[in-house]
Every structure is written in structure tokens, then in C-alpha cells.
Protein backbone atom coordinates (compact mmCIF):
# COMPACT_ATOMS: atom_id res chain seq x y z
CA MET A 1 31.68 147.58 74.90
CA VAL A 2 28.69 149.35 76.44
CA PHE A 3 29.04 147.89 79.93
CA GLN A 4 32.55 149.28 80.39
CA SER A 5 31.26 152.87 80.42
CA VAL A 6 28.31 152.15 82.74
CA ASN A 7 28.60 151.67 86.47
CA THR A 8 27.31 148.11 86.97
CA GLN A 9 26.51 148.65 90.65
CA TYR A 10 24.33 151.60 89.69
CA MET A 11 22.46 149.46 87.17
CA VAL A 12 21.86 146.73 89.76
CA ALA A 13 20.58 149.34 92.22
CA ILE A 14 18.13 150.68 89.62
CA PHE A 15 16.93 147.16 88.82
CA ILE A 16 16.36 146.25 92.48
CA THR A 17 14.72 149.59 93.33
CA THR A 18 12.34 149.30 90.39
CA MET A 19 11.51 145.72 91.27
CA PHE A 20 10.51 146.68 94.82
CA ALA A 21 8.74 149.88 93.71
CA VAL A 22 6.42 147.94 91.41
CA PHE A 23 5.24 145.60 94.20
CA SER A 24 2.31 147.92 94.93
CA ILE A 25 1.16 147.64 91.32
CA GLY A 26 1.51 143.87 91.38
CA PHE A 27 -0.58 143.62 94.53
CA THR A 28 -3.17 145.93 92.97
CA LEU A 29 -3.44 143.73 89.90
CA GLY A 30 -3.26 140.44 91.82
CA GLY A 31 -6.94 139.89 92.52
CA TYR A 32 -6.90 136.14 92.74
CA ASN A 33 -4.64 136.01 95.74
CA ALA A 34 -4.88 134.10 98.98
CA ALA A 35 -6.20 137.13 100.90
CA GLY A 36 -9.18 137.45 98.55
CA ILE A 37 -10.02 133.77 98.87
CA VAL A 38 -9.68 133.86 102.68
CA ALA A 39 -11.97 136.92 102.84
CA GLU A 40 -14.54 135.18 100.64
CA ILE A 41 -14.59 132.13 102.91
CA LYS A 42 -14.45 134.02 106.23
CA MET A 43 -17.10 136.59 105.34
CA SER A 44 -19.22 134.25 103.16
CA TRP A 45 -18.88 136.68 100.27
CA SER A 46 -19.75 136.07 96.70
CA HIS A 47 -16.82 135.91 94.31
CA SER A 48 -18.26 139.07 92.75
CA TYR A 49 -17.02 141.06 95.75
CA THR A 50 -13.44 139.95 95.13
CA ILE A 51 -13.78 140.96 91.50
CA LEU A 52 -15.24 144.33 92.54
CA ILE A 53 -12.40 144.99 95.00
CA THR A 54 -9.78 144.05 92.42
CA SER A 55 -11.47 146.10 89.71
CA SER A 56 -11.47 149.18 91.94
CA GLY A 57 -7.68 148.88 92.19
CA VAL A 58 -7.29 148.56 88.44
CA LEU A 59 -9.68 151.51 87.91
CA GLY A 60 -7.64 153.59 90.36
CA MET A 61 -4.45 152.70 88.53
CA MET A 62 -5.98 153.72 85.21
CA ILE A 63 -7.26 157.06 86.56
CA GLY A 64 -3.96 157.73 88.35
CA SER A 65 -2.05 157.18 85.12
CA LEU A 66 -4.38 159.40 83.12
CA THR A 67 -4.32 162.28 85.63
CA ALA A 68 -0.60 162.21 86.40
CA ASP A 69 -0.03 165.40 84.41
CA ARG A 70 -2.00 167.36 87.01
CA PHE A 71 0.42 166.24 89.73
CA ILE A 72 3.63 166.66 87.75
CA VAL A 73 3.09 170.43 87.53
CA TYR A 74 4.08 170.51 91.21
CA GLY A 75 7.43 168.92 90.35
CA ARG A 76 8.59 165.35 89.94
CA TYR A 77 9.78 164.99 93.53
CA ARG A 78 6.57 166.34 95.06
CA ALA A 79 4.41 164.27 92.71
CA ALA A 80 6.35 161.10 93.58
CA PHE A 81 6.01 161.97 97.27
CA ILE A 82 2.24 162.40 96.87
CA ALA A 83 2.01 159.05 95.07
CA ASN A 84 3.98 157.30 97.81
CA MET A 85 1.84 158.90 100.51
CA MET A 86 -1.29 157.69 98.72
CA ILE A 87 0.09 154.16 98.66
CA ILE A 88 0.88 154.33 102.39
CA VAL A 89 -2.51 155.87 103.28
CA SER A 90 -4.28 153.18 101.25
CA THR A 91 -3.34 150.61 103.89
CA LEU A 92 -5.69 152.17 106.47
CA PRO A 93 -9.05 151.46 104.79
CA GLN A 94 -7.81 148.04 103.74
CA MET A 95 -7.56 147.01 107.40
CA TRP A 96 -11.35 146.70 107.66
CA LEU A 97 -12.68 143.47 106.24
CA SER A 98 -15.64 145.04 104.51
CA VAL A 99 -16.29 145.57 100.82
CA VAL A 100 -16.58 149.39 100.78
CA PRO A 101 -13.35 150.16 102.72
CA LEU A 102 -11.47 147.52 100.72
CA CYS A 103 -12.69 149.07 97.46
CA ILE A 104 -11.68 152.55 98.64
CA GLY A 105 -8.27 151.32 99.81
CA ARG A 106 -7.62 149.42 96.60
CA PHE A 107 -8.70 152.44 94.54
CA ILE A 108 -6.28 154.72 96.42
CA LEU A 109 -3.51 152.10 96.10
CA GLY A 110 -4.14 151.80 92.38
CA PHE A 111 -4.30 155.58 91.93
CA GLY A 112 -0.97 156.09 93.69
CA SER A 113 0.60 153.21 91.77
CA GLY A 114 -0.56 154.53 88.40
CA LEU A 115 0.62 158.02 89.30
CA PHE A 116 4.01 156.74 90.40
CA THR A 117 4.46 154.66 87.24
CA VAL A 118 4.03 157.71 84.99
CA ILE A 119 6.17 159.96 87.20
CA ALA A 120 9.01 157.44 87.30
CA GLY A 121 9.09 157.25 83.50
CA ILE A 122 9.16 161.02 83.12
CA TYR A 123 11.79 161.36 85.83
CA MET A 124 14.00 158.85 84.05
CA ALA A 125 13.53 160.51 80.66
CA GLU A 126 14.57 163.89 82.09
CA THR A 127 17.54 162.80 84.19
CA VAL A 128 19.27 159.93 82.36
CA PRO A 129 21.74 160.90 79.61
CA ALA A 130 20.40 160.22 76.11
CA ASP A 131 23.21 157.78 75.18
CA LYS A 132 22.43 155.56 78.19
CA LEU A 133 18.63 155.82 78.12
CA SER A 134 18.05 152.49 76.36
CA LEU A 135 20.27 150.59 78.80
CA TYR A 136 18.57 152.13 81.85
CA GLY A 137 15.13 151.68 80.32
CA THR A 138 15.79 148.01 79.69
CA SER A 139 16.95 147.41 83.26
CA ILE A 140 13.95 149.28 84.67
CA ASN A 141 11.49 147.37 82.50
CA THR A 142 13.13 144.11 83.51
CA GLY A 143 12.78 145.17 87.15
CA ILE A 144 9.09 145.95 86.59
CA VAL A 145 8.43 142.56 85.03
CA VAL A 146 10.30 140.72 87.80
CA GLY A 147 8.47 142.75 90.46
CA LEU A 148 5.07 141.96 88.95
CA LEU A 149 6.03 138.30 88.66
CA VAL A 150 7.12 138.12 92.30
CA THR A 151 3.99 139.85 93.63
CA ASN A 152 1.67 137.66 91.59
CA LEU A 153 3.52 134.56 92.77
CA VAL A 154 3.25 135.72 96.39
């Protein structure tokens, strides 16, 4: 049986880590959230502003995914560190309740999330043994789906 040769605790740790790591992507994609509605009401914004802010996050995620190869040349660890720093730095402009800083913050958050998504896949492909790759990949994808579900529910 496959599960006898795999450390189950290690698989659970990968699942949980992936689930929490994907929260930033879920929040980037989750445009119709309570914060957007509260900002619309408080600032008397048009719904177009919420769509613009959300779209800037999705655009950042797309560009981050497409340009990840330029960061990976510095090494997987450094590239992942850069992506995580971008996600952390993205919180600063998002503290101002104005459209331009929110768009900039969401773009940076999306860029870091897209970058991290590509780097994590490459890191896994290079470090996991070939005979266990499908099992790890399945647990990671399940973690991603659960993480996106949780963030969109929140």
C-alpha cells in the first residue's frame, strides 16, 4: 500500500502549510467580500471601484506568474523570500482607504502570490522524489482548493 511508505505526518504538514500559504491568493481573488462592500458604503464609492481594486490584484497575480522565471534565476529560496516580502509589503498601501493605494496594494499582493505559486510548484518538482510526486501533488492541490474555499468563505 502506498501510505505505508509515506510519512503521514509529513503529508498532513504539507497539506496544512499549502492551505495557509494560498490564503493570500484567495484574498486577492475574493473581490466580493465584506471589506469591499463596507468601503463602498463608507466612502460612497461606485461598485466599479471595487471591481477595479479586485482586478488589479488579479492582474498582479497574472503578471507575477508570467514573470516568475526572472526571479527563479536567483534561486528558489531567494525567489520565495522575495514573494513573501512582497505579500507582507502589500499590506502597507492597503491601509489607506483610497482607490489608488488599494489598487497598488492589491497589485503587489497579487504579484507576490502569483510568483509564489509558480515557485512552490518548481520547488516541489525539484525536491520531491519522482515515485512520490503524484501523492504530494495531490495533497498540495487539495490544500490549495481548501485554502481558496476558506478565504472566499471568510
